[in-house]
């Protein structure tokens, strides 16, 4: 994969007699291409050379332009000095051709082997059993899925784990509610929604009958003690919930390598607690066992409650140790809400205190909170929530209405409606910075205008339509090309930048980097399409040149869509 900074760095390094890597670190790409395609500020060298930056820039430009052949061989037209900056201008025809050829030559343009031999474990989605799969679960689910794809694209061995919330007092709550107000027939008919109804009813009744809380604790204690009656109910609730979750995951195109929830670690926690005790890290405080983190300026991390039961931290520490032993991960990344920042800082520190040097490889990638319009927080126990499945179904229905209005004869229109409707919901969650809080709005979730997933999907379909209408062309046989317009160059420049965007996305755990690039490419292609006739170009050479660029664009668009978890329909 070529880098437009390589030749400028080498030429400058020769003239100044410095290391090329040092020069590379100083090179930038100006935001306005009228100021050059690659630029270097010369101010750093003023003291060393005892000359003004303006003089240095001009002398460098003169020396480099004298090497016209090397400039041309590297795809550059010239170097210019301007206000203390040395600016390099690409030979745009050569640059566009080189980008197009490279995109079309690679099966997976922008992929790499940088992660070869390294395993990344990713913990994402993690809904609670017997509770609604609501809109609040969407960020973790789609961010984790996108990052799984991005890291896989960079050559890492990825392990996706769905750490289900399938243990705790809430199951005692549900068992009590089921025995009092539920029935097998209603649960089988209503599934998770009936379980949620029972859960909400329990908390409503609890206000008038506080003893229900004690009944719930006792019911969960019987689960932990191995009571077959309670365990069978727990397994049943688990099975019903997982079937519902998998149906939604299928719609979203999300998969996991393991569904190992909290209950998976029940028989592994005693050993971890004993290890903490043997390393003198446990302190008895008000009947509970804690790890003191006062020196780290954090509240204590509670490991065992006064009744001897474990907490989230106990289970998370146990899971991390298990994952390190099982997968020997390079990184273990947790995609959860920012409200859990302190929780992760605490137990990460406990793992470090246990003497595990891999504690530094534990990463919490938080995302902002989702509330309802007006700032209302979602609450399952109060019945205030938005079911994710309802959002997906409405998005699909709205898309189908649009298709029936604009292209009623479209083949497989129900499938396309699902792909674009789901794409709208996923993209709406990924196109802003991960940490940003979101107030869920039906209008925004189902808005397909502007910079949206369906807009990018439509642009991809437009590319494929043009290529189909061009007929049976052997693109490999097209050797004589010519690119002369700004819109061709600017589109190719974005295609060139795609591999770097993937790397940046992985570095910052930010799918929005790819999402914004997807929109940039789509907008640039549509400008190119409007300004540069393709099939009706003035001559065959121009037509073929633009067809090659359209083909290269379609490939980058498709790859961006895939990385984000969106489908790429070829007809819309």
Protein backbone atom coordinates (compact mmCIF):
# COMPACT_ATOMS: atom_id res chain seq x y z
CA UNK A 1 0.00 0.00 0.00
CA UNK A 2 1.64 3.23 -1.12
CA UNK A 3 2.05 6.27 1.12
CA UNK A 4 2.11 9.72 -0.44
CA UNK A 5 4.37 10.97 2.38
CA UNK A 6 7.21 8.57 1.58
CA UNK A 7 8.82 10.42 -1.35
CA UNK A 8 8.50 13.96 0.11
CA UNK A 9 10.07 12.73 3.35
CA UNK A 10 12.96 11.11 1.48
CA UNK A 11 13.63 14.20 -0.68
CA UNK A 12 13.54 16.61 2.27
CA UNK A 13 15.74 14.29 4.36
CA UNK A 14 18.36 14.21 1.61
CA UNK A 15 18.52 17.99 1.33
CA UNK A 16 18.63 18.60 5.08
CA UNK A 17 20.73 15.51 5.84
CA UNK A 18 18.35 14.29 8.55
CA UNK A 19 16.46 11.07 9.21
CA UNK A 20 13.47 10.48 6.89
CA UNK A 21 11.31 9.17 9.78
CA UNK A 22 11.75 12.48 11.58
CA UNK A 23 10.51 14.30 8.48
CA UNK A 24 7.56 11.92 8.06
CA UNK A 25 6.34 12.84 11.55
CA UNK A 26 6.26 16.52 10.50
CA UNK A 27 4.33 16.02 7.25
CA UNK A 28 0.62 16.80 7.19
CA UNK A 29 -2.18 16.76 4.66
CA UNK A 30 -3.63 20.31 4.41
CA UNK A 31 -7.40 20.58 4.89
CA UNK A 32 -7.63 22.61 1.67
CA UNK A 33 -6.01 20.87 -1.30
CA UNK A 34 -5.31 24.24 -2.95
CA UNK A 35 -2.53 24.52 -0.33
CA UNK A 36 -0.94 21.29 -1.49
CA UNK A 37 -1.50 17.60 -0.98
CA UNK A 38 1.36 17.08 1.47
CA UNK A 39 2.93 19.90 3.51
CA UNK A 40 5.70 20.48 6.03
CA UNK A 41 6.09 23.52 8.32
CA UNK A 42 9.73 24.67 8.26
CA UNK A 43 9.70 26.58 11.55
CA UNK A 44 11.36 23.74 13.46
CA UNK A 45 14.53 24.08 11.38
CA UNK A 46 14.92 27.87 11.70
CA UNK A 47 17.19 27.74 14.76
CA UNK A 48 19.22 24.79 13.47
CA UNK A 49 19.86 26.33 10.03
CA UNK A 50 19.90 29.95 11.25
CA UNK A 51 17.52 30.98 8.53
CA UNK A 52 13.91 32.11 8.45
CA UNK A 53 11.26 29.43 7.75
CA UNK A 54 10.34 31.34 4.58
CA UNK A 55 13.89 31.04 3.23
CA UNK A 56 14.19 27.40 4.25
CA UNK A 57 10.94 26.50 2.51
CA UNK A 58 12.00 28.26 -0.71
CA UNK A 59 15.45 26.64 -0.74
CA UNK A 60 13.89 23.21 -0.20
CA UNK A 61 11.37 23.80 -2.97
CA UNK A 62 14.12 24.85 -5.41
CA UNK A 63 16.34 21.87 -4.56
CA UNK A 64 13.48 19.36 -4.80
CA UNK A 65 12.02 20.77 -8.03
CA UNK A 66 15.46 20.30 -9.57
CA UNK A 67 14.83 16.58 -9.21
CA UNK A 68 11.84 16.67 -11.56
CA UNK A 69 12.22 13.06 -12.68
CA UNK A 70 12.11 11.67 -9.15
CA UNK A 71 9.13 13.85 -8.36
CA UNK A 72 7.29 12.59 -11.42
CA UNK A 73 8.21 8.97 -10.70
CA UNK A 74 6.68 9.41 -7.25
CA UNK A 75 3.47 10.83 -8.67
CA UNK A 76 4.16 14.47 -7.73
CA UNK A 77 4.03 17.46 -10.05
CA UNK A 78 5.96 20.08 -8.06
CA UNK A 79 6.94 21.55 -4.68
CA UNK A 80 6.11 25.14 -3.67
CA UNK A 81 7.04 27.39 -0.79
CA UNK A 82 4.36 29.47 0.93
CA UNK A 83 4.69 31.44 4.18
CA UNK A 84 7.24 29.09 5.72
CA UNK A 85 5.54 25.90 4.53
CA UNK A 86 6.84 23.50 1.91
CA UNK A 87 3.89 22.20 -0.09
CA UNK A 88 3.90 19.23 -2.44
CA UNK A 89 1.35 18.91 -5.22
CA UNK A 90 0.43 15.52 -6.63
CA UNK A 91 0.20 14.70 -10.30
CA UNK A 92 -3.51 14.07 -9.89
CA UNK A 93 -4.00 11.92 -12.94
CA UNK A 94 -1.25 9.55 -11.81
CA UNK A 95 -2.49 9.62 -8.22
CA UNK A 96 -6.10 8.74 -9.09
CA UNK A 97 -4.98 5.97 -11.40
CA UNK A 98 -2.65 4.52 -8.76
CA UNK A 99 -5.40 4.54 -6.11
CA UNK A 100 -7.94 2.96 -8.43
CA UNK A 101 -5.52 0.25 -9.53
CA UNK A 102 -4.61 -0.58 -5.94
CA UNK A 103 -8.22 -0.78 -4.75
CA UNK A 104 -9.17 -3.05 -7.64
CA UNK A 105 -6.08 -5.23 -7.28
CA UNK A 106 -6.67 -6.09 -3.61
CA UNK A 107 -9.38 -8.50 -2.52
CA UNK A 108 -9.78 -6.68 0.80
CA UNK A 109 -8.42 -3.20 0.29
CA UNK A 110 -7.33 -1.64 3.57
CA UNK A 111 -6.97 -4.93 5.43
CA UNK A 112 -3.66 -5.87 7.00
CA UNK A 113 -1.80 -8.49 9.01
CA UNK A 114 -0.79 -6.16 11.83
CA UNK A 115 -2.73 -8.30 14.32
CA UNK A 116 -1.31 -11.64 13.17
CA UNK A 117 -0.78 -13.95 16.12
CA UNK A 118 -2.63 -11.67 18.55
CA UNK A 119 -5.99 -12.43 20.15
CA UNK A 120 -8.47 -9.75 21.19
CA UNK A 121 -11.35 -10.74 23.44
CA UNK A 122 -14.36 -8.45 23.17
CA UNK A 123 -17.16 -8.36 25.73
CA UNK A 124 -20.28 -6.70 24.31
CA UNK A 125 -24.09 -6.63 24.31
CA UNK A 126 -24.61 -8.53 27.60
CA UNK A 127 -28.40 -8.19 28.09
CA UNK A 128 -30.02 -9.46 31.25
CA UNK A 129 -31.93 -12.71 31.06
CA UNK A 130 -35.71 -12.33 31.49
CA UNK A 131 -35.55 -8.59 30.85
CA UNK A 132 -36.32 -6.67 27.65
CA UNK A 133 -33.74 -6.40 24.93
CA UNK A 134 -34.25 -2.65 24.78
CA UNK A 135 -32.79 0.29 22.91
CA UNK A 136 -30.25 0.76 25.71
CA UNK A 137 -28.57 -2.50 24.66
CA UNK A 138 -28.04 -1.26 21.12
CA UNK A 139 -24.79 0.73 21.64
CA UNK A 140 -22.84 -2.12 23.25
CA UNK A 141 -24.19 -4.59 20.70
CA UNK A 142 -23.42 -2.67 17.51
CA UNK A 143 -20.23 -0.97 18.71
CA UNK A 144 -18.83 -4.32 19.82
CA UNK A 145 -19.89 -5.98 16.58
CA UNK A 146 -18.27 -3.24 14.48
CA UNK A 147 -15.02 -3.38 16.44
CA UNK A 148 -14.97 -7.17 16.14
CA UNK A 149 -15.10 -6.76 12.37
CA UNK A 150 -12.51 -3.96 12.32
CA UNK A 151 -9.97 -5.89 14.37
CA UNK A 152 -10.59 -9.03 12.31
CA UNK A 153 -9.96 -6.94 9.18
CA UNK A 154 -6.59 -5.96 10.62
CA UNK A 155 -5.59 -9.59 11.10
CA UNK A 156 -6.37 -10.10 14.80
CA UNK A 157 -7.90 -13.30 16.08
CA UNK A 158 -11.12 -11.99 17.65
CA UNK A 159 -13.20 -13.68 20.34
CA UNK A 160 -16.66 -12.19 20.84
CA UNK A 161 -18.20 -12.90 24.25
CA UNK A 162 -21.78 -12.18 25.30
CA UNK A 163 -21.50 -11.93 29.08
CA UNK A 164 -25.19 -12.46 29.82
CA UNK A 165 -26.64 -11.10 33.03
CA UNK A 166 -28.04 -14.45 34.14
CA UNK A 167 -27.40 -14.52 37.87
CA UNK A 168 -28.55 -12.53 40.88
CA UNK A 169 -31.47 -11.66 43.13
CA UNK A 170 -33.61 -10.57 40.17
CA UNK A 171 -34.18 -14.25 39.42
CA UNK A 172 -35.55 -14.76 42.89
CA UNK A 173 -37.79 -11.78 42.16
CA UNK A 174 -39.01 -13.35 38.95
CA UNK A 175 -39.64 -16.76 40.51
CA UNK A 176 -41.77 -15.21 43.26
CA UNK A 177 -43.69 -13.14 40.69
CA UNK A 178 -44.23 -16.17 38.43
CA UNK A 179 -45.55 -18.33 41.28
CA UNK A 180 -47.90 -15.61 42.48
CA UNK A 181 -49.25 -14.10 39.28
CA UNK A 182 -47.95 -16.06 36.30
CA UNK A 183 -48.71 -19.25 34.40
CA UNK A 184 -46.83 -21.57 32.07
CA UNK A 185 -49.31 -20.87 29.27
CA UNK A 186 -48.92 -17.08 29.48
CA UNK A 187 -45.12 -17.25 29.61
CA UNK A 188 -44.96 -19.61 26.64
CA UNK A 189 -47.30 -17.32 24.75
CA UNK A 190 -45.76 -13.97 25.70
CA UNK A 191 -42.11 -14.95 26.11
CA UNK A 192 -39.79 -12.31 27.52
CA UNK A 193 -42.52 -9.66 27.45
CA UNK A 194 -44.60 -11.70 29.85
CA UNK A 195 -41.58 -12.18 32.12
CA UNK A 196 -41.06 -8.42 32.09
CA UNK A 197 -44.73 -7.87 32.95
CA UNK A 198 -44.29 -10.13 35.98
CA UNK A 199 -41.08 -8.34 36.98
CA UNK A 200 -42.77 -4.93 36.81
CA UNK A 201 -45.77 -6.23 38.77
CA UNK A 202 -43.50 -7.56 41.52
CA UNK A 203 -41.96 -4.12 42.09
CA UNK A 204 -45.33 -2.42 42.01
CA UNK A 205 -46.69 -4.88 44.61
CA UNK A 206 -43.51 -4.65 46.68
CA UNK A 207 -44.31 -1.06 47.60
CA UNK A 208 -47.35 -2.28 49.52
CA UNK A 209 -45.86 -5.61 50.61
CA UNK A 210 -42.15 -5.12 51.50
CA UNK A 211 -41.84 -8.76 52.63
CA UNK A 212 -41.80 -9.73 48.94
CA UNK A 213 -38.14 -8.64 48.84
CA UNK A 214 -37.27 -11.20 51.51
CA UNK A 215 -39.15 -13.87 49.56
CA UNK A 216 -37.12 -13.01 46.47
CA UNK A 217 -33.82 -13.24 48.35
CA UNK A 218 -34.85 -16.59 49.77
CA UNK A 219 -35.82 -17.86 46.30
CA UNK A 220 -32.45 -16.88 44.87
CA UNK A 221 -30.68 -18.46 47.82
CA UNK A 222 -32.44 -21.72 46.92
CA UNK A 223 -31.14 -21.36 43.34
CA UNK A 224 -27.59 -20.95 44.65
CA UNK A 225 -28.12 -23.93 46.95
CA UNK A 226 -29.08 -26.10 43.96
CA UNK A 227 -32.84 -26.47 44.47
CA UNK A 228 -34.10 -28.32 41.40
CA UNK A 229 -37.47 -26.53 41.36
CA UNK A 230 -35.94 -23.05 41.30
CA UNK A 231 -33.09 -24.11 39.00
CA UNK A 232 -35.52 -25.56 36.47
CA UNK A 233 -37.45 -22.28 36.41
CA UNK A 234 -34.19 -20.36 36.02
CA UNK A 235 -33.14 -22.61 33.10
CA UNK A 236 -36.56 -22.12 31.50
CA UNK A 237 -36.38 -18.33 31.79
CA UNK A 238 -32.83 -18.52 30.39
CA UNK A 239 -33.95 -20.57 27.38
CA UNK A 240 -36.90 -18.28 26.58
CA UNK A 241 -34.71 -15.19 26.82
CA UNK A 242 -31.90 -16.56 24.68
CA UNK A 243 -34.34 -17.50 21.91
CA UNK A 244 -35.65 -13.91 21.91
CA UNK A 245 -32.15 -12.42 21.95
CA UNK A 246 -30.96 -14.59 19.08
CA UNK A 247 -33.91 -13.51 16.96
CA UNK A 248 -32.89 -9.87 17.41
CA UNK A 249 -29.20 -10.64 16.87
CA UNK A 250 -30.09 -12.31 13.58
CA UNK A 251 -31.87 -9.13 12.45
CA UNK A 252 -28.85 -7.05 13.43
CA UNK A 253 -26.37 -9.41 11.80
CA UNK A 254 -24.53 -9.82 15.10
CA UNK A 255 -22.81 -13.03 16.15
CA UNK A 256 -20.83 -14.19 19.17
CA UNK A 257 -18.26 -16.90 19.69
CA UNK A 258 -19.38 -17.55 23.26
CA UNK A 259 -22.49 -16.95 25.38
CA UNK A 260 -20.79 -17.29 28.75
CA UNK A 261 -22.83 -15.31 31.25
CA UNK A 262 -22.25 -14.66 34.91
CA UNK A 263 -23.52 -18.10 35.93
CA UNK A 264 -20.68 -19.72 33.95
CA UNK A 265 -18.24 -18.50 36.60
CA UNK A 266 -20.12 -19.75 39.66
CA UNK A 267 -17.78 -22.69 40.22
CA UNK A 268 -14.67 -20.61 39.52
CA UNK A 269 -15.11 -17.75 41.99
CA UNK A 270 -14.13 -19.56 45.19
CA UNK A 271 -10.60 -20.08 43.86
CA UNK A 272 -10.29 -16.39 43.01
CA UNK A 273 -11.56 -15.31 46.44
CA UNK A 274 -9.05 -17.68 48.04
CA UNK A 275 -6.27 -16.23 45.87
CA UNK A 276 -7.19 -12.73 47.00
CA UNK A 277 -7.14 -13.92 50.60
CA UNK A 278 -3.78 -15.69 50.22
CA UNK A 279 -2.25 -12.52 48.76
CA UNK A 280 -3.49 -10.53 51.77
CA UNK A 281 -5.69 -8.33 49.63
CA UNK A 282 -8.99 -9.00 51.43
CA UNK A 283 -10.07 -6.84 54.34
CA UNK A 284 -13.14 -7.40 56.51
CA UNK A 285 -15.26 -4.26 56.62
CA UNK A 286 -18.73 -4.11 58.20
CA UNK A 287 -19.18 -7.83 57.60
CA UNK A 288 -18.16 -7.67 53.93
CA UNK A 289 -14.82 -8.58 52.37
CA UNK A 290 -13.28 -5.80 50.33
CA UNK A 291 -10.07 -4.82 48.57
CA UNK A 292 -9.00 -1.45 49.97
CA UNK A 293 -8.33 1.07 47.21
CA UNK A 294 -7.95 4.17 49.38
CA UNK A 295 -4.37 4.74 48.18
CA UNK A 296 -5.70 4.74 44.62
CA UNK A 297 -8.28 7.34 45.65
CA UNK A 298 -11.18 5.01 44.90
CA UNK A 299 -13.89 3.47 47.06
CA UNK A 300 -13.22 -0.12 48.17
CA UNK A 301 -13.94 -2.93 45.74
CA UNK A 302 -16.42 -5.26 47.43
CA UNK A 303 -15.67 -8.94 46.75
CA UNK A 304 -18.08 -10.68 49.15
CA UNK A 305 -21.19 -9.22 50.76
CA UNK A 306 -21.88 -9.76 54.44
CA UNK A 307 -24.05 -12.78 53.61
CA UNK A 308 -21.16 -14.34 51.66
CA UNK A 309 -22.64 -13.76 48.20
CA UNK A 310 -20.54 -12.44 45.30
CA UNK A 311 -20.92 -9.24 43.30
CA UNK A 312 -20.31 -8.05 39.77
CA UNK A 313 -16.66 -7.30 40.57
CA UNK A 314 -16.06 -10.85 41.83
CA UNK A 315 -17.51 -12.30 38.66
CA UNK A 316 -15.66 -9.85 36.38
CA UNK A 317 -12.29 -10.58 37.99
CA UNK A 318 -12.96 -14.30 37.70
CA UNK A 319 -13.99 -13.94 34.07
CA UNK A 320 -10.86 -11.94 33.20
CA UNK A 321 -8.56 -14.55 34.77
CA UNK A 322 -10.42 -17.32 32.94
CA UNK A 323 -10.19 -15.47 29.62
CA UNK A 324 -6.46 -14.84 30.02
CA UNK A 325 -5.83 -18.52 30.78
CA UNK A 326 -8.11 -19.69 27.96
CA UNK A 327 -7.28 -17.23 25.17
CA UNK A 328 -4.00 -15.57 26.25
CA UNK A 329 -5.39 -12.32 24.93
CA UNK A 330 -3.42 -9.35 23.64
CA UNK A 331 -6.30 -7.11 24.75
CA UNK A 332 -9.60 -7.75 26.50
CA UNK A 333 -12.03 -4.95 25.67
CA UNK A 334 -15.30 -4.23 27.48
CA UNK A 335 -17.96 -2.19 25.69
CA UNK A 336 -20.27 -0.94 28.44
CA UNK A 337 -21.89 2.34 29.46
CA UNK A 338 -19.83 5.17 30.93
CA UNK A 339 -21.86 4.83 34.14
CA UNK A 340 -19.67 1.78 34.88
CA UNK A 341 -16.36 3.66 34.62
CA UNK A 342 -15.62 3.43 38.34
CA UNK A 343 -16.55 -0.25 38.49
CA UNK A 344 -14.00 -1.10 35.79
CA UNK A 345 -11.27 1.10 37.28
CA UNK A 346 -11.77 -0.66 40.61
CA UNK A 347 -11.58 -4.24 39.48
CA UNK A 348 -8.84 -3.54 36.91
CA UNK A 349 -6.80 -2.22 39.84
CA UNK A 350 -7.60 -5.34 41.89
CA UNK A 351 -6.27 -7.54 39.07
CA UNK A 352 -3.11 -5.42 39.03
CA UNK A 353 -2.73 -5.79 42.80
CA UNK A 354 -3.02 -9.55 42.37
CA UNK A 355 0.27 -9.35 40.49
CA UNK A 356 -1.00 -9.93 36.98
CA UNK A 357 1.02 -7.78 34.57
CA UNK A 358 -1.65 -8.29 31.92
CA UNK A 359 -3.96 -5.98 33.88
CA UNK A 360 -2.65 -3.27 31.54
CA UNK A 361 -4.27 -5.14 28.65
CA UNK A 362 -7.77 -4.78 30.10
CA UNK A 363 -9.61 -1.97 28.31
CA UNK A 364 -12.92 -0.35 29.13
CA UNK A 365 -14.34 1.38 26.03
CA UNK A 366 -17.31 3.27 27.50
CA UNK A 367 -20.22 4.72 25.58
CA UNK A 368 -22.72 7.41 26.49
CA UNK A 369 -26.02 6.75 28.18
CA UNK A 370 -29.31 6.44 26.33
CA UNK A 371 -32.35 8.16 27.74
CA UNK A 372 -35.83 8.73 26.37
CA UNK A 373 -36.93 12.09 24.97
CA UNK A 374 -37.16 14.71 27.69
CA UNK A 375 -34.28 13.11 29.59
CA UNK A 376 -36.40 10.29 31.06
CA UNK A 377 -34.19 7.39 32.13
CA UNK A 378 -35.25 3.88 31.18
CA UNK A 379 -36.24 1.54 34.00
CA UNK A 380 -37.32 -2.06 33.56
CA UNK A 381 -38.83 -2.30 37.03
CA UNK A 382 -41.03 0.73 36.28
CA UNK A 383 -41.88 -0.52 32.80
CA UNK A 384 -40.29 2.53 31.16
CA UNK A 385 -38.37 1.23 28.16
CA UNK A 386 -38.31 0.95 24.36
CA UNK A 387 -38.02 -2.57 22.99
CA UNK A 388 -35.27 -2.83 20.39
CA UNK A 389 -37.32 -5.25 18.33
CA UNK A 390 -40.11 -2.64 18.05
CA UNK A 391 -37.62 -0.09 16.71
CA UNK A 392 -36.28 -2.54 14.11
CA UNK A 393 -39.78 -3.56 12.99
CA UNK A 394 -40.91 0.04 12.58
CA UNK A 395 -37.74 0.93 10.67
CA UNK A 396 -38.33 -2.01 8.35
CA UNK A 397 -42.00 -1.06 7.83
CA UNK A 398 -41.12 2.56 7.07
CA UNK A 399 -38.50 1.48 4.53
CA UNK A 400 -40.98 -0.83 2.84
CA UNK A 401 -43.44 2.06 2.54
CA UNK A 402 -40.75 4.17 0.84
CA UNK A 403 -39.87 1.32 -1.56
CA UNK A 404 -43.53 0.75 -2.44
CA UNK A 405 -43.83 4.44 -3.24
CA UNK A 406 -40.63 4.86 -5.27
CA UNK A 407 -39.81 1.42 -6.68
CA UNK A 408 -42.76 -0.97 -6.18
CA UNK A 409 -41.42 -3.48 -8.71
CA UNK A 410 -38.13 -3.98 -6.83
CA UNK A 411 -37.20 -7.64 -6.46
CA UNK A 412 -36.91 -8.97 -2.89
CA UNK A 413 -38.20 -5.66 -1.59
CA UNK A 414 -39.04 -7.10 1.84
CA UNK A 415 -35.40 -8.19 2.25
CA UNK A 416 -34.12 -4.82 1.06
CA UNK A 417 -36.52 -3.08 3.45
CA UNK A 418 -35.11 -5.07 6.34
CA UNK A 419 -31.51 -4.41 5.30
CA UNK A 420 -32.02 -0.66 4.98
CA UNK A 421 -34.33 -0.29 7.97
CA UNK A 422 -31.94 -2.13 10.26
CA UNK A 423 -29.07 -0.23 8.64
CA UNK A 424 -30.72 3.07 9.57
CA UNK A 425 -30.94 2.06 13.23
CA UNK A 426 -27.37 0.69 13.42
CA UNK A 427 -25.81 3.65 11.61
CA UNK A 428 -27.72 6.08 13.79
CA UNK A 429 -25.91 4.62 16.78
CA UNK A 430 -22.44 4.54 15.18
CA UNK A 431 -22.13 7.88 13.40
CA UNK A 432 -21.35 9.92 16.53
CA UNK A 433 -18.54 9.68 19.05
CA UNK A 434 -18.88 6.62 21.24
CA UNK A 435 -18.93 8.56 24.51
CA UNK A 436 -21.75 10.93 23.52
CA UNK A 437 -25.02 10.62 25.46
CA UNK A 438 -28.07 9.96 23.31
CA UNK A 439 -31.73 10.83 23.87
CA UNK A 440 -33.66 8.22 21.91
CA UNK A 441 -36.15 9.69 19.45
CA UNK A 442 -38.43 7.70 17.16
CA UNK A 443 -38.24 10.50 14.57
CA UNK A 444 -34.44 10.44 14.47
CA UNK A 445 -34.18 6.66 14.53
CA UNK A 446 -36.48 6.38 11.53
CA UNK A 447 -35.15 9.40 9.61
CA UNK A 448 -33.63 8.23 6.33
CA UNK A 449 -32.80 11.67 4.93
CA UNK A 450 -29.36 13.24 4.98
CA UNK A 451 -26.24 11.58 6.34
CA UNK A 452 -27.70 8.18 7.18
CA UNK A 453 -27.06 4.51 6.66
CA UNK A 454 -29.71 4.21 3.90
CA UNK A 455 -28.08 7.14 2.07
CA UNK A 456 -24.77 5.23 1.98
CA UNK A 457 -26.52 1.99 1.01
CA UNK A 458 -28.35 3.81 -1.79
CA UNK A 459 -25.05 5.24 -3.06
CA UNK A 460 -23.52 1.77 -3.17
CA UNK A 461 -26.54 0.51 -5.13
CA UNK A 462 -26.14 3.46 -7.52
CA UNK A 463 -22.52 2.42 -8.17
CA UNK A 464 -23.58 -1.15 -8.91
CA UNK A 465 -26.38 0.03 -11.19
CA UNK A 466 -23.94 2.08 -13.27
CA UNK A 467 -21.58 -0.89 -13.57
CA UNK A 468 -24.43 -3.18 -14.63
CA UNK A 469 -25.60 -0.74 -17.27
CA UNK A 470 -22.06 -0.46 -18.62
CA UNK A 471 -22.35 -4.05 -19.78
CA UNK A 472 -19.73 -6.76 -19.91
CA UNK A 473 -16.45 -4.85 -19.67
CA UNK A 474 -13.09 -6.42 -18.89
CA UNK A 475 -11.76 -3.82 -16.50
CA UNK A 476 -8.36 -5.55 -16.39
CA UNK A 477 -7.91 -4.74 -20.08
CA UNK A 478 -8.39 -0.99 -19.55
CA UNK A 479 -4.85 0.40 -19.53
CA UNK A 480 -5.26 3.90 -20.94
CA UNK A 481 -6.94 6.21 -18.42
CA UNK A 482 -7.16 9.91 -17.78
CA UNK A 483 -8.44 11.84 -14.76
CA UNK A 484 -8.71 15.61 -15.05
CA UNK A 485 -11.41 16.88 -12.67
CA UNK A 486 -11.33 17.94 -9.04
CA UNK A 487 -14.26 15.68 -8.17
CA UNK A 488 -12.39 12.63 -9.49
CA UNK A 489 -9.32 13.53 -7.45
CA UNK A 490 -11.24 14.25 -4.25
CA UNK A 491 -13.13 10.98 -4.47
CA UNK A 492 -9.89 9.06 -5.07
CA UNK A 493 -8.26 10.86 -2.15
CA UNK A 494 -10.97 9.53 0.16
CA UNK A 495 -10.51 6.00 -1.21
CA UNK A 496 -6.78 6.37 -0.52
CA UNK A 497 -7.47 7.44 3.09
CA UNK A 498 -9.70 4.44 3.87
CA UNK A 499 -6.94 2.10 5.19
CA UNK A 500 -5.72 4.79 7.61
CA UNK A 501 -9.28 5.31 8.84
CA UNK A 502 -9.59 1.61 9.68
CA UNK A 503 -6.37 1.77 11.70
CA UNK A 504 -7.55 4.93 13.50
CA UNK A 505 -10.90 3.28 14.27
CA UNK A 506 -9.10 0.33 15.87
CA UNK A 507 -6.70 2.53 17.81
CA UNK A 508 -9.48 4.60 19.41
CA UNK A 509 -12.22 1.91 19.49
CA UNK A 510 -14.34 4.43 17.55
CA UNK A 511 -16.64 3.05 14.81
CA UNK A 512 -17.72 6.62 14.06
CA UNK A 513 -14.37 7.08 12.25
CA UNK A 514 -15.46 4.54 9.63
CA UNK A 515 -19.08 5.78 9.70
CA UNK A 516 -18.07 9.36 8.92
CA UNK A 517 -15.69 8.18 6.21
CA UNK A 518 -18.49 6.14 4.66
CA UNK A 519 -20.64 9.26 4.39
CA UNK A 520 -17.71 11.30 3.04
CA UNK A 521 -17.09 8.73 0.29
CA UNK A 522 -20.81 8.53 -0.54
CA UNK A 523 -21.09 12.32 -0.81
CA UNK A 524 -17.93 12.57 -2.90
CA UNK A 525 -19.18 9.88 -5.27
CA UNK A 526 -22.54 11.61 -5.71
CA UNK A 527 -20.76 14.90 -6.50
CA UNK A 528 -18.59 13.03 -8.99
CA UNK A 529 -21.68 11.38 -10.48
CA UNK A 530 -23.44 14.72 -10.92
CA UNK A 531 -20.41 16.59 -12.31
CA UNK A 532 -18.78 13.90 -14.44
CA UNK A 533 -20.94 11.94 -16.91
CA UNK A 534 -19.94 8.30 -16.81
CA UNK A 535 -21.90 6.21 -19.29
CA UNK A 536 -22.47 9.28 -21.48
CA UNK A 537 -18.88 10.52 -21.27
CA UNK A 538 -17.48 12.38 -24.28
CA UNK A 539 -15.15 9.54 -25.30
CA UNK A 540 -14.40 5.91 -24.53
CA UNK A 541 -11.22 6.66 -22.60
CA UNK A 542 -13.02 9.02 -20.23
CA UNK A 543 -15.92 6.60 -19.86
CA UNK A 544 -13.65 3.69 -18.98
CA UNK A 545 -11.60 5.82 -16.58
CA UNK A 546 -14.73 6.82 -14.69
CA UNK A 547 -16.11 3.29 -14.68
CA UNK A 548 -12.91 2.11 -13.00
CA UNK A 549 -13.29 4.84 -10.38
CA UNK A 550 -16.94 3.89 -9.82
CA UNK A 551 -15.95 0.25 -9.38
CA UNK A 552 -13.23 1.15 -6.88
CA UNK A 553 -15.70 3.34 -4.99
CA UNK A 554 -18.27 0.56 -4.81
CA UNK A 555 -15.69 -1.70 -3.19
CA UNK A 556 -14.71 0.81 -0.52
CA UNK A 557 -18.37 1.62 0.20
CA UNK A 558 -19.16 -2.07 0.56
CA UNK A 559 -16.21 -2.59 2.90
CA UNK A 560 -17.22 0.37 5.07
CA UNK A 561 -20.78 -0.94 5.28
CA UNK A 562 -19.56 -4.40 6.24
CA UNK A 563 -17.22 -3.08 8.93
CA UNK A 564 -20.13 -1.22 10.52
CA UNK A 565 -22.46 -4.22 10.31
CA UNK A 566 -24.68 -2.87 7.52
CA UNK A 567 -25.83 -4.85 4.50
CA UNK A 568 -24.96 -3.71 0.99
CA UNK A 569 -28.01 -4.27 -1.27
CA UNK A 570 -27.17 -3.95 -4.96
CA UNK A 571 -30.66 -2.83 -5.97
CA UNK A 572 -32.87 -0.41 -4.03
